[in-house]
């Protein structure tokens, strides 16, 4: 069984899972705007929703940023993707 608890190495950069099994890390390139941030590496309309985006208890669905434009696009995409 996989344990998803995170372990940070002494170098304060490398992260792994407690059980040492495969894991993945995702990062976004962000654009700072006058009213928030936008993820330049966000989802496309044709991008599939991943299980962690569906099952998250922190943020349900995809995240595209905090600007008004990003939140509007995020809401539209999540409506489409989460209803599938």
N, C-alpha and C. Protein backbone atom coordinates (compact mmCIF):
# COMPACT_ATOMS: atom_id res chain seq x y z
N UNK A 1 0.84 -1.18 0.00
CA UNK A 1 0.00 0.00 0.00
C UNK A 1 0.88 1.25 0.00
N UNK A 2 0.51 2.22 -0.79
CA UNK A 2 1.28 3.46 -0.89
C UNK A 2 0.86 4.43 0.21
N UNK A 3 1.84 5.03 0.86
CA UNK A 3 1.58 6.04 1.89
C UNK A 3 2.02 7.38 1.33
N UNK A 4 1.09 8.31 1.16
CA UNK A 4 1.37 9.57 0.49
C UNK A 4 1.94 10.64 1.41
N UNK A 5 2.32 10.29 2.62
CA UNK A 5 2.88 11.29 3.53
C UNK A 5 4.24 11.74 3.01
N UNK A 6 4.48 13.05 3.09
CA UNK A 6 5.69 13.65 2.53
C UNK A 6 6.85 13.64 3.52
N UNK A 7 8.05 13.46 3.00
CA UNK A 7 9.27 13.52 3.79
C UNK A 7 10.22 14.47 3.07
N UNK A 8 10.72 15.50 3.76
CA UNK A 8 11.67 16.43 3.15
C UNK A 8 13.07 16.05 3.60
N UNK A 9 13.99 16.00 2.65
CA UNK A 9 15.38 15.65 2.94
C UNK A 9 16.09 16.81 3.63
N UNK A 10 17.26 16.56 4.23
CA UNK A 10 18.01 17.61 4.92
C UNK A 10 18.43 18.79 4.02
N UNK A 11 18.45 18.58 2.70
CA UNK A 11 18.83 19.68 1.80
C UNK A 11 17.73 20.75 1.69
N UNK A 12 16.58 20.50 2.36
CA UNK A 12 15.44 21.42 2.37
C UNK A 12 14.86 21.67 0.98
N UNK A 13 15.14 20.80 0.03
CA UNK A 13 14.61 20.93 -1.33
C UNK A 13 13.96 19.64 -1.80
N UNK A 14 14.66 18.52 -1.61
CA UNK A 14 14.18 17.24 -2.09
C UNK A 14 13.04 16.75 -1.22
N UNK A 15 11.96 16.35 -1.88
CA UNK A 15 10.81 15.78 -1.17
C UNK A 15 10.52 14.40 -1.73
N UNK A 16 10.12 13.49 -0.89
CA UNK A 16 9.79 12.14 -1.30
C UNK A 16 8.64 11.65 -0.42
N UNK A 17 8.13 10.48 -0.70
CA UNK A 17 7.11 9.89 0.16
C UNK A 17 7.79 9.06 1.24
N UNK A 18 7.12 8.89 2.34
CA UNK A 18 7.65 8.12 3.47
C UNK A 18 8.05 6.71 3.04
N UNK A 19 7.22 6.08 2.18
CA UNK A 19 7.49 4.70 1.79
C UNK A 19 8.47 4.58 0.62
N UNK A 20 8.95 5.72 0.07
CA UNK A 20 9.94 5.69 -1.00
C UNK A 20 9.42 5.30 -2.36
N UNK A 21 8.10 5.14 -2.50
CA UNK A 21 7.54 4.77 -3.80
C UNK A 21 7.46 6.00 -4.71
N UNK A 22 7.08 5.77 -5.95
CA UNK A 22 7.01 6.84 -6.93
C UNK A 22 6.04 7.93 -6.50
N UNK A 23 6.42 9.15 -6.84
CA UNK A 23 5.56 10.30 -6.57
C UNK A 23 5.81 11.33 -7.67
N UNK A 24 5.01 12.36 -7.71
CA UNK A 24 5.18 13.41 -8.71
C UNK A 24 4.94 14.76 -8.06
N UNK A 25 5.59 15.76 -8.60
CA UNK A 25 5.42 17.12 -8.12
C UNK A 25 5.05 17.98 -9.31
N UNK A 26 4.12 18.87 -9.11
CA UNK A 26 3.67 19.76 -10.17
C UNK A 26 3.90 21.19 -9.74
N UNK A 27 4.39 21.99 -10.65
CA UNK A 27 4.62 23.40 -10.38
C UNK A 27 3.97 24.22 -11.48
N UNK A 28 3.63 25.45 -11.16
CA UNK A 28 3.07 26.37 -12.14
C UNK A 28 4.01 27.55 -12.35
N UNK A 29 4.01 28.09 -13.56
CA UNK A 29 4.63 29.37 -13.82
C UNK A 29 3.53 30.40 -13.67
N UNK A 30 3.74 31.38 -12.78
CA UNK A 30 2.69 32.34 -12.45
C UNK A 30 2.95 33.71 -13.04
N UNK A 31 1.88 34.36 -13.48
CA UNK A 31 1.91 35.74 -13.95
C UNK A 31 1.28 36.59 -12.86
N UNK A 32 2.02 37.58 -12.37
CA UNK A 32 1.49 38.48 -11.35
C UNK A 32 0.74 39.60 -12.08
N UNK A 33 -0.54 39.77 -11.75
CA UNK A 33 -1.37 40.80 -12.36
C UNK A 33 -1.80 41.80 -11.29
N UNK A 34 -2.36 42.94 -11.68
CA UNK A 34 -2.80 43.91 -10.67
C UNK A 34 -3.84 43.36 -9.69
N UNK A 35 -4.63 42.36 -10.12
CA UNK A 35 -5.67 41.84 -9.22
C UNK A 35 -5.44 40.39 -8.78
N UNK A 36 -4.22 39.88 -8.90
CA UNK A 36 -3.94 38.52 -8.43
C UNK A 36 -2.88 37.84 -9.27
N UNK A 37 -2.96 36.52 -9.34
CA UNK A 37 -2.02 35.74 -10.14
C UNK A 37 -2.79 34.86 -11.12
N UNK A 38 -2.12 34.50 -12.21
CA UNK A 38 -2.68 33.57 -13.18
C UNK A 38 -1.63 32.51 -13.49
N UNK A 39 -2.06 31.25 -13.51
CA UNK A 39 -1.17 30.15 -13.83
C UNK A 39 -1.01 30.06 -15.34
N UNK A 40 0.18 30.39 -15.82
CA UNK A 40 0.44 30.31 -17.27
C UNK A 40 0.53 28.86 -17.73
N UNK A 41 0.76 27.96 -16.82
CA UNK A 41 0.86 26.54 -17.14
C UNK A 41 -0.41 25.81 -16.73
N UNK A 42 -1.53 26.51 -16.72
CA UNK A 42 -2.80 25.93 -16.31
C UNK A 42 -3.37 24.98 -17.36
N UNK A 43 -4.57 24.55 -17.12
CA UNK A 43 -5.25 23.59 -17.99
C UNK A 43 -5.80 24.24 -19.26
N UNK A 44 -5.91 23.42 -20.28
CA UNK A 44 -6.58 23.78 -21.52
C UNK A 44 -8.01 23.24 -21.45
N UNK A 45 -8.86 23.70 -22.33
CA UNK A 45 -10.23 23.20 -22.37
C UNK A 45 -10.29 21.70 -22.62
N UNK A 46 -9.28 21.16 -23.28
CA UNK A 46 -9.26 19.74 -23.63
C UNK A 46 -8.48 18.88 -22.62
N UNK A 47 -7.94 19.50 -21.58
CA UNK A 47 -7.15 18.75 -20.59
C UNK A 47 -8.07 17.90 -19.72
N UNK A 48 -7.67 16.66 -19.46
CA UNK A 48 -8.49 15.83 -18.56
C UNK A 48 -8.31 16.29 -17.11
N UNK A 49 -9.32 16.06 -16.30
CA UNK A 49 -9.20 16.35 -14.88
C UNK A 49 -8.57 15.12 -14.22
N UNK A 50 -7.64 15.36 -13.33
CA UNK A 50 -6.94 14.26 -12.66
C UNK A 50 -7.67 13.86 -11.38
N UNK A 51 -7.43 12.65 -10.88
CA UNK A 51 -8.15 12.17 -9.71
C UNK A 51 -7.92 13.06 -8.50
N UNK A 52 -6.70 13.61 -8.35
CA UNK A 52 -6.43 14.44 -7.19
C UNK A 52 -7.16 15.77 -7.28
N UNK A 53 -7.49 16.20 -8.49
CA UNK A 53 -8.27 17.42 -8.64
C UNK A 53 -9.74 17.17 -8.30
N UNK A 54 -10.23 15.98 -8.61
CA UNK A 54 -11.61 15.63 -8.28
C UNK A 54 -11.78 15.37 -6.79
N UNK A 55 -10.79 14.72 -6.17
CA UNK A 55 -10.94 14.23 -4.80
C UNK A 55 -10.37 15.16 -3.74
N UNK A 56 -9.75 16.26 -4.13
CA UNK A 56 -9.11 17.15 -3.16
C UNK A 56 -10.11 17.72 -2.17
N UNK A 57 -9.71 17.75 -0.92
CA UNK A 57 -10.54 18.40 0.10
C UNK A 57 -10.08 19.83 0.34
N UNK A 58 -8.97 20.22 -0.30
CA UNK A 58 -8.44 21.58 -0.17
C UNK A 58 -9.00 22.47 -1.28
N UNK A 59 -8.94 21.99 -2.52
CA UNK A 59 -9.42 22.77 -3.66
C UNK A 59 -10.01 21.81 -4.67
N UNK A 60 -11.32 21.76 -4.76
CA UNK A 60 -12.00 20.86 -5.70
C UNK A 60 -11.84 21.38 -7.12
N UNK A 61 -11.36 20.52 -8.01
CA UNK A 61 -11.20 20.89 -9.41
C UNK A 61 -9.85 21.52 -9.69
N UNK A 62 -9.75 22.12 -10.86
CA UNK A 62 -8.48 22.72 -11.28
C UNK A 62 -8.30 24.09 -10.65
N UNK A 63 -7.05 24.54 -10.58
CA UNK A 63 -6.72 25.87 -10.07
C UNK A 63 -6.00 26.63 -11.16
N UNK A 64 -6.49 27.82 -11.48
CA UNK A 64 -5.88 28.63 -12.53
C UNK A 64 -5.36 29.96 -12.03
N UNK A 65 -5.60 30.30 -10.77
CA UNK A 65 -5.09 31.55 -10.23
C UNK A 65 -6.09 32.27 -9.35
N UNK A 66 -5.73 33.50 -8.99
CA UNK A 66 -6.57 34.29 -8.08
C UNK A 66 -7.13 35.55 -8.73
N UNK A 67 -6.70 35.88 -9.94
CA UNK A 67 -7.23 37.08 -10.62
C UNK A 67 -8.68 36.81 -11.01
N UNK A 68 -9.41 37.87 -11.26
CA UNK A 68 -10.82 37.72 -11.66
C UNK A 68 -10.95 36.90 -12.94
N UNK A 69 -10.07 37.15 -13.92
CA UNK A 69 -10.12 36.40 -15.18
C UNK A 69 -9.82 34.92 -14.96
N UNK A 70 -8.83 34.62 -14.12
CA UNK A 70 -8.47 33.23 -13.84
C UNK A 70 -9.60 32.51 -13.12
N UNK A 71 -10.21 33.17 -12.15
CA UNK A 71 -11.31 32.54 -11.40
C UNK A 71 -12.52 32.27 -12.30
N UNK A 72 -12.80 33.19 -13.22
CA UNK A 72 -13.92 33.00 -14.14
C UNK A 72 -13.67 31.81 -15.06
N UNK A 73 -12.48 31.74 -15.64
CA UNK A 73 -12.13 30.61 -16.52
C UNK A 73 -12.10 29.30 -15.74
N UNK A 74 -11.56 29.35 -14.52
CA UNK A 74 -11.51 28.17 -13.66
C UNK A 74 -12.92 27.65 -13.38
N UNK A 75 -13.85 28.53 -13.05
CA UNK A 75 -15.22 28.12 -12.76
C UNK A 75 -15.86 27.46 -13.98
N UNK A 76 -15.66 28.05 -15.15
CA UNK A 76 -16.21 27.47 -16.38
C UNK A 76 -15.64 26.07 -16.65
N UNK A 77 -14.31 25.94 -16.55
CA UNK A 77 -13.68 24.64 -16.80
C UNK A 77 -14.10 23.61 -15.77
N UNK A 78 -14.14 24.00 -14.49
CA UNK A 78 -14.53 23.05 -13.45
C UNK A 78 -15.97 22.58 -13.63
N UNK A 79 -16.83 23.47 -14.06
CA UNK A 79 -18.22 23.06 -14.31
C UNK A 79 -18.26 21.97 -15.36
N UNK A 80 -17.49 22.14 -16.45
CA UNK A 80 -17.44 21.14 -17.51
C UNK A 80 -16.77 19.85 -17.03
N UNK A 81 -15.61 19.97 -16.41
CA UNK A 81 -14.80 18.81 -16.06
C UNK A 81 -15.37 17.99 -14.92
N UNK A 82 -15.93 18.65 -13.91
CA UNK A 82 -16.43 17.92 -12.73
C UNK A 82 -17.78 17.25 -12.98
N UNK A 83 -18.47 17.65 -14.04
CA UNK A 83 -19.75 17.06 -14.36
C UNK A 83 -19.61 15.83 -15.26
N UNK A 84 -18.40 15.55 -15.71
CA UNK A 84 -18.16 14.42 -16.62
C UNK A 84 -18.29 13.11 -15.88
